[in-house]
Amino acid sequence: MKHYQVVGFEEDGPVFGFTVMANNFGEALTAIGKDYYMTDMNFYKLETTEVEK
């Protein structure tokens, strides 16, 4: 499993962040899209980066 750091930004900077564990980037995106907290979030930009544990 790989770890992916997810950071949501508004125009002024980061507003939230969390880590997702997945086998690959595609699975990470699927998990992020299904995350309960993401359903009502409004943000300007979302960055997803693979990180070393």
C-alpha atoms as a PDB file:
ATOM      1  CA  MET A   1       0.000   0.000   0.000  1.00  0.00           C
ATOM      2  CA  LYS A   2       1.123   3.515  -0.788  1.00  0.00           C
ATOM      3  CA  HIS A   3       0.294   6.688   1.146  1.00  0.00           C
ATOM      4  CA  TYR A   4      -1.133   9.745  -0.613  1.00  0.00           C
ATOM      5  CA  GLN A   5      -1.300  13.177   1.015  1.00  0.00           C
ATOM      6  CA  VAL A   6      -4.414  15.119   0.000  1.00  0.00           C
ATOM      7  CA  VAL A   7      -4.499  18.900   0.494  1.00  0.00           C
ATOM      8  CA  GLY A   8      -7.443  21.145  -0.369  1.00  0.00           C
ATOM      9  CA  PHE A   9      -6.798  24.804  -1.121  1.00  0.00           C
ATOM     10  CA  GLU A  10      -8.858  27.949  -1.273  1.00  0.00           C
ATOM     11  CA  GLU A  11      -7.423  30.974  -3.086  1.00  0.00           C
ATOM     12  CA  ASP A  12      -5.653  32.120   0.118  1.00  0.00           C
ATOM     13  CA  GLY A  13      -3.942  28.794   0.847  1.00  0.00           C
ATOM     14  CA  PRO A  14      -4.509  25.312   2.283  1.00  0.00           C
ATOM     15  CA  VAL A  15      -7.704  24.693   4.257  1.00  0.00           C
ATOM     16  CA  PHE A  16      -7.630  20.942   4.933  1.00  0.00           C
ATOM     17  CA  GLY A  17      -5.480  17.869   4.502  1.00  0.00           C
ATOM     18  CA  PHE A  18      -5.554  14.120   5.117  1.00  0.00           C
ATOM     19  CA  THR A  19      -3.793  10.912   4.068  1.00  0.00           C
ATOM     20  CA  VAL A  20      -5.229   8.080   1.967  1.00  0.00           C
ATOM     21  CA  MET A  21      -3.788   4.566   1.671  1.00  0.00           C
ATOM     22  CA  ALA A  22      -4.203   2.846  -1.711  1.00  0.00           C
ATOM     23  CA  ASN A  23      -2.405   0.477  -4.080  1.00  0.00           C
ATOM     24  CA  ASN A  24      -2.051   3.123  -6.802  1.00  0.00           C
ATOM     25  CA  PHE A  25      -2.978   6.685  -7.720  1.00  0.00           C
ATOM     26  CA  GLY A  26      -6.244   5.678  -9.432  1.00  0.00           C
ATOM     27  CA  GLU A  27      -7.441   3.837  -6.336  1.00  0.00           C
ATOM     28  CA  ALA A  28      -6.457   6.836  -4.214  1.00  0.00           C
ATOM     29  CA  LEU A  29      -8.602   9.125  -6.375  1.00  0.00           C
ATOM     30  CA  THR A  30     -11.540   6.731  -6.065  1.00  0.00           C
ATOM     31  CA  ALA A  31     -11.163   6.617  -2.271  1.00  0.00           C
ATOM     32  CA  ILE A  32     -10.963  10.423  -2.085  1.00  0.00           C
ATOM     33  CA  GLY A  33     -14.105  10.763  -4.191  1.00  0.00           C
ATOM     34  CA  LYS A  34     -16.002   8.412  -1.883  1.00  0.00           C
ATOM     35  CA  ASP A  35     -14.795  10.066   1.332  1.00  0.00           C
ATOM     36  CA  TYR A  36     -17.735  11.231   3.445  1.00  0.00           C
ATOM     37  CA  TYR A  37     -16.100  14.559   4.346  1.00  0.00           C
ATOM     38  CA  MET A  38     -15.377  15.433   0.706  1.00  0.00           C
ATOM     39  CA  THR A  39     -19.061  15.397  -0.300  1.00  0.00           C
ATOM     40  CA  ASP A  40     -19.803  18.839   1.176  1.00  0.00           C
ATOM     41  CA  MET A  41     -16.368  20.440   0.808  1.00  0.00           C
ATOM     42  CA  ASN A  42     -15.851  23.477  -1.383  1.00  0.00           C
ATOM     43  CA  PHE A  43     -12.298  24.209  -2.442  1.00  0.00           C
ATOM     44  CA  TYR A  44     -10.360  25.975  -5.177  1.00  0.00           C
ATOM     45  CA  LYS A  45      -7.774  23.241  -5.842  1.00  0.00           C
ATOM     46  CA  LEU A  46      -7.034  19.707  -4.622  1.00  0.00           C
ATOM     47  CA  GLU A  47      -3.478  18.310  -4.614  1.00  0.00           C
ATOM     48  CA  THR A  48      -2.777  14.597  -4.211  1.00  0.00           C
ATOM     49  CA  THR A  49       0.847  13.537  -3.747  1.00  0.00           C
ATOM     50  CA  GLU A  50       2.420  10.143  -3.050  1.00  0.00           C
ATOM     51  CA  VAL A  51       4.444  10.334   0.171  1.00  0.00           C
ATOM     52  CA  GLU A  52       6.980   8.069   1.820  1.00  0.00           C
ATOM     53  CA  LYS A  53       5.942   6.582   5.125  1.00  0.00           C
END
